[in-house]
Amino acid sequence: MIGRLNHVAIATRDLRKASAIYRDTLGAEVSEPVQLPEHGVITVFVELPNTKIELLEPLGENSPIAKFLEKNPGGGMHHLCYEVDDIIAARDRLKEKGATVIGSGEPRIGAHGKPVLFLHPKDFGGTLVELEQA
C-alpha cells in the first residue's frame, strides 16, 4: 500500500538556522520558506538524491509544531511521510485495520499541493505518519 518515503520532517525553533546547517554545512539544496497557515507551520524542503527533509517551524502559538517543541525543546524528528497511490483507499484500509486517522479523516492539501492525512503515533510504534497522495 505505501510507496516511497517522500520526506522526513524535523521540527525546529529556528528555521533560518536549521536551513543554514543543511545548505552551508552539508551542501544541500534548500527551498525558500513557505507559510502554511492551515497547518500552522512555516516549512522548507531540503532536496536529497533519494528523498527530502522537511524543516518545520511553528506558525503561531496554536501550531502543532509549537506543542511538539514544548515537549521536545531541542526539536527533532516530527513525522515520516509516505506516498500512496489513492489516499482515500489507503485511509479506508487503514481504518479497517484499526489505525487512527487524526482530525476529521478527510484529506487536506499539504505542502506539495497534494492531499495528505496523518496517522496517530500510538498505532505506528510511536511515530507520527503522514500519507501523501502520489
C-alpha atoms as a PDB file:
ATOM      1  CA  MET A   1       0.000   0.000   0.000  1.00  0.00           C
ATOM      2  CA  ILE A   2       2.657   2.598   0.920  1.00  0.00           C
ATOM      3  CA  GLY A   3       5.027   3.790  -1.719  1.00  0.00           C
ATOM      4  CA  ARG A   4       8.297   5.593  -1.431  1.00  0.00           C
ATOM      5  CA  LEU A   5       9.397   7.699   1.511  1.00  0.00           C
ATOM      6  CA  ASN A   6       8.524  11.242   0.493  1.00  0.00           C
ATOM      7  CA  HIS A   7      10.189  13.067   3.379  1.00  0.00           C
ATOM      8  CA  VAL A   8      11.309  13.069   6.991  1.00  0.00           C
ATOM      9  CA  ALA A   9      10.028  16.101   8.900  1.00  0.00           C
ATOM     10  CA  ILE A  10      12.128  17.770  11.575  1.00  0.00           C
ATOM     11  CA  ALA A  11      10.715  20.377  13.959  1.00  0.00           C
ATOM     12  CA  THR A  12      12.913  23.345  14.802  1.00  0.00           C
ATOM     13  CA  ARG A  13      12.595  26.605  16.699  1.00  0.00           C
ATOM     14  CA  ASP A  14      14.805  28.441  14.184  1.00  0.00           C
ATOM     15  CA  LEU A  15      14.121  27.608  10.547  1.00  0.00           C
ATOM     16  CA  ARG A  16      16.759  30.009   9.270  1.00  0.00           C
ATOM     17  CA  LYS A  17      19.490  28.412  11.400  1.00  0.00           C
ATOM     18  CA  ALA A  18      18.406  24.858  10.533  1.00  0.00           C
ATOM     19  CA  SER A  19      18.295  25.735   6.816  1.00  0.00           C
ATOM     20  CA  ALA A  20      21.802  27.184   7.006  1.00  0.00           C
ATOM     21  CA  ILE A  21      23.139  23.967   8.528  1.00  0.00           C
ATOM     22  CA  TYR A  22      21.781  21.890   5.656  1.00  0.00           C
ATOM     23  CA  ARG A  23      22.733  24.443   2.975  1.00  0.00           C
ATOM     24  CA  ASP A  24      26.076  25.798   4.225  1.00  0.00           C
ATOM     25  CA  THR A  25      27.468  22.937   6.294  1.00  0.00           C
ATOM     26  CA  LEU A  26      26.099  19.907   4.442  1.00  0.00           C
ATOM     27  CA  GLY A  27      25.940  21.469   0.970  1.00  0.00           C
ATOM     28  CA  ALA A  28      22.297  20.602   0.294  1.00  0.00           C
ATOM     29  CA  GLU A  29      19.806  22.479  -1.861  1.00  0.00           C
ATOM     30  CA  VAL A  30      17.253  24.151   0.423  1.00  0.00           C
ATOM     31  CA  SER A  31      13.970  25.690  -0.757  1.00  0.00           C
ATOM     32  CA  GLU A  32      12.685  29.094   0.271  1.00  0.00           C
ATOM     33  CA  PRO A  33      10.420  29.145   3.358  1.00  0.00           C
ATOM     34  CA  VAL A  34       6.689  28.779   2.741  1.00  0.00           C
ATOM     35  CA  GLN A  35       3.999  29.666   5.275  1.00  0.00           C
ATOM     36  CA  LEU A  36       1.160  27.134   5.556  1.00  0.00           C
ATOM     37  CA  PRO A  37      -1.338  28.793   7.920  1.00  0.00           C
ATOM     38  CA  GLU A  38      -3.849  25.941   7.542  1.00  0.00           C
ATOM     39  CA  HIS A  39      -1.232  23.601   9.048  1.00  0.00           C
ATOM     40  CA  GLY A  40       0.259  26.135  11.470  1.00  0.00           C
ATOM     41  CA  VAL A  41       3.800  25.859  10.086  1.00  0.00           C
ATOM     42  CA  ILE A  42       6.498  27.510   8.075  1.00  0.00           C
ATOM     43  CA  THR A  43       8.315  24.898   6.037  1.00  0.00           C
ATOM     44  CA  VAL A  44      11.359  24.433   3.838  1.00  0.00           C
ATOM     45  CA  PHE A  45      12.424  21.338   1.965  1.00  0.00           C
ATOM     46  CA  VAL A  46      15.967  20.035   1.770  1.00  0.00           C
ATOM     47  CA  GLU A  47      16.413  18.145  -1.506  1.00  0.00           C
ATOM     48  CA  LEU A  48      18.333  14.880  -1.320  1.00  0.00           C
ATOM     49  CA  PRO A  49      19.008  12.389  -4.121  1.00  0.00           C
ATOM     50  CA  ASN A  50      16.582   9.802  -2.707  1.00  0.00           C
ATOM     51  CA  THR A  51      14.086  11.815  -0.607  1.00  0.00           C
ATOM     52  CA  LYS A  52      13.592  15.158   1.142  1.00  0.00           C
ATOM     53  CA  ILE A  53      13.958  16.568   4.637  1.00  0.00           C
ATOM     54  CA  GLU A  54      11.153  18.929   5.669  1.00  0.00           C
ATOM     55  CA  LEU A  55      12.139  21.514   8.266  1.00  0.00           C
ATOM     56  CA  LEU A  56       9.170  22.834  10.252  1.00  0.00           C
ATOM     57  CA  GLU A  57       8.915  25.945  12.391  1.00  0.00           C
ATOM     58  CA  PRO A  58       5.728  26.843  14.279  1.00  0.00           C
ATOM     59  CA  LEU A  59       3.475  29.497  12.790  1.00  0.00           C
ATOM     60  CA  GLY A  60       1.643  30.860  15.807  1.00  0.00           C
ATOM     61  CA  GLU A  61       1.148  29.617  19.356  1.00  0.00           C
ATOM     62  CA  ASN A  62      -1.516  27.063  18.411  1.00  0.00           C
ATOM     63  CA  SER A  63       0.709  25.303  15.894  1.00  0.00           C
ATOM     64  CA  PRO A  64       1.076  21.543  16.394  1.00  0.00           C
ATOM     65  CA  ILE A  65       4.814  22.167  15.983  1.00  0.00           C
ATOM     66  CA  ALA A  66       4.762  24.637  18.898  1.00  0.00           C
ATOM     67  CA  LYS A  67       3.171  21.914  21.033  1.00  0.00           C
ATOM     68  CA  PHE A  68       5.773  19.395  19.837  1.00  0.00           C
ATOM     69  CA  LEU A  69       8.589  21.819  20.735  1.00  0.00           C
ATOM     70  CA  GLU A  70       7.141  22.318  24.239  1.00  0.00           C
ATOM     71  CA  LYS A  71       7.692  18.594  24.808  1.00  0.00           C
ATOM     72  CA  ASN A  72      10.941  18.489  22.787  1.00  0.00           C
ATOM     73  CA  PRO A  73      12.685  21.845  23.377  1.00  0.00           C
ATOM     74  CA  GLY A  74      15.671  20.945  21.210  1.00  0.00           C
ATOM     75  CA  GLY A  75      13.482  19.997  18.242  1.00  0.00           C
ATOM     76  CA  GLY A  76      13.747  16.676  16.480  1.00  0.00           C
ATOM     77  CA  MET A  77      12.021  14.273  14.134  1.00  0.00           C
ATOM     78  CA  HIS A  78       8.320  15.098  13.905  1.00  0.00           C
ATOM     79  CA  HIS A  79       6.957  12.656  11.301  1.00  0.00           C
ATOM     80  CA  LEU A  80       7.616  10.408   8.330  1.00  0.00           C
ATOM     81  CA  CYS A  81       5.709  10.915   5.082  1.00  0.00           C
ATOM     82  CA  TYR A  82       4.946   8.025   2.737  1.00  0.00           C
ATOM     83  CA  GLU A  83       3.377   8.270  -0.686  1.00  0.00           C
ATOM     84  CA  VAL A  84       0.211   6.338  -1.549  1.00  0.00           C
ATOM     85  CA  ASP A  85      -1.488   5.976  -4.935  1.00  0.00           C
ATOM     86  CA  ASP A  86      -5.011   6.526  -3.599  1.00  0.00           C
ATOM     87  CA  ILE A  87      -5.272   8.365  -0.281  1.00  0.00           C
ATOM     88  CA  ILE A  88      -8.966   7.567   0.229  1.00  0.00           C
ATOM     89  CA  ALA A  89      -8.454   3.844  -0.380  1.00  0.00           C
ATOM     90  CA  ALA A  90      -5.405   3.893   1.924  1.00  0.00           C
ATOM     91  CA  ARG A  91      -7.384   5.712   4.635  1.00  0.00           C
ATOM     92  CA  ASP A  92     -10.285   3.276   4.420  1.00  0.00           C
ATOM     93  CA  ARG A  93      -8.000   0.228   4.524  1.00  0.00           C
ATOM     94  CA  LEU A  94      -6.053   1.594   7.494  1.00  0.00           C
ATOM     95  CA  LYS A  95      -9.247   2.398   9.404  1.00  0.00           C
ATOM     96  CA  GLU A  96     -10.477  -1.166   8.745  1.00  0.00           C
ATOM     97  CA  LYS A  97      -7.208  -2.398  10.272  1.00  0.00           C
ATOM     98  CA  GLY A  98      -7.786  -0.237  13.374  1.00  0.00           C
ATOM     99  CA  ALA A  99      -5.471   2.695  12.632  1.00  0.00           C
ATOM    100  CA  THR A 100      -6.469   6.125  13.942  1.00  0.00           C
ATOM    101  CA  VAL A 101      -6.632   8.920  11.382  1.00  0.00           C
ATOM    102  CA  ILE A 102      -6.009  12.273  13.061  1.00  0.00           C
ATOM    103  CA  GLY A 103      -8.536  15.057  12.611  1.00  0.00           C
ATOM    104  CA  SER A 104     -11.712  14.762  10.568  1.00  0.00           C
ATOM    105  CA  GLY A 105     -10.400  11.873   8.485  1.00  0.00           C
ATOM    106  CA  GLU A 106     -10.745  13.938   5.333  1.00  0.00           C
ATOM    107  CA  PRO A 107      -7.547  14.734   3.426  1.00  0.00           C
ATOM    108  CA  ARG A 108      -6.227  18.296   3.490  1.00  0.00           C
ATOM    109  CA  ILE A 109      -3.879  19.873   0.988  1.00  0.00           C
ATOM    110  CA  GLY A 110      -0.275  19.594   2.165  1.00  0.00           C
ATOM    111  CA  ALA A 111       2.957  21.459   1.454  1.00  0.00           C
ATOM    112  CA  HIS A 112       3.333  19.896  -2.002  1.00  0.00           C
ATOM    113  CA  GLY A 113      -0.211  20.848  -3.042  1.00  0.00           C
ATOM    114  CA  LYS A 114      -1.397  17.235  -2.752  1.00  0.00           C
ATOM    115  CA  PRO A 115      -3.904  15.584  -0.386  1.00  0.00           C
ATOM    116  CA  VAL A 116      -2.443  14.414   2.951  1.00  0.00           C
ATOM    117  CA  LEU A 117      -3.610  12.612   6.089  1.00  0.00           C
ATOM    118  CA  PHE A 118      -1.891  11.991   9.409  1.00  0.00           C
ATOM    119  CA  LEU A 119      -1.999   8.725  11.345  1.00  0.00           C
ATOM    120  CA  HIS A 120      -1.749   8.607  15.127  1.00  0.00           C
ATOM    121  CA  PRO A 121       1.682   7.643  16.541  1.00  0.00           C
ATOM    122  CA  LYS A 122       0.150   5.155  19.007  1.00  0.00           C
ATOM    123  CA  ASP A 123      -0.654   2.880  16.065  1.00  0.00           C
ATOM    124  CA  PHE A 124       2.779   3.115  14.431  1.00  0.00           C
ATOM    125  CA  GLY A 125       5.394   2.442  17.079  1.00  0.00           C
ATOM    126  CA  GLY A 126       5.354   5.988  18.439  1.00  0.00           C
ATOM    127  CA  THR A 127       5.909   7.635  15.052  1.00  0.00           C
ATOM    128  CA  LEU A 128       3.535  10.178  13.530  1.00  0.00           C
ATOM    129  CA  VAL A 129       2.903   9.103   9.932  1.00  0.00           C
ATOM    130  CA  GLU A 130       1.777  11.345   7.106  1.00  0.00           C
ATOM    131  CA  LEU A 131       0.331   9.874   3.920  1.00  0.00           C
ATOM    132  CA  GLU A 132       0.523  11.933   0.741  1.00  0.00           C
ATOM    133  CA  GLN A 133      -1.216  11.070  -2.495  1.00  0.00           C
ATOM    134  CA  ALA A 134       1.444  10.487  -5.161  1.00  0.00           C
END
